[in-house]
């Protein structure tokens, strides 16, 4: 079960196309980045896999989250990737998805690498 499915332009459809048409590239991948802002953060952190992260707002546009359900006490659980549903498609590995970073002021996803700081003339 997935939330917010959008048809042929949806993230899952593009992922399936890549799995079927360029599986070799996908097999070489260690993570999927879900937007330019995610790539910038990843690059600033020197390509550190731990810096692969996604905020809930961006994640909600992918259609790859488990549909939220209110708990009995009226709270909404933290968003999670719909791993079981995503993994049901051949060639689609949900472990490639970035970790979800939540909160109004989430913890930093990483540190700017020394190489990046030097390249940008940062202290």
Foldseek 3Di string as FASTA:
>chain_A
DWPQDDPCVAPLNVQLCCCVPPLVVVVPAQADAQDPVLVVQCVQQPNDLLSREDEPVSVNNRRQWDDWDQDPVRDTDDIDGPQVVQVVDPSGHPSRYHYYFDDPDTDHSHHGDPVSCVVVVHD
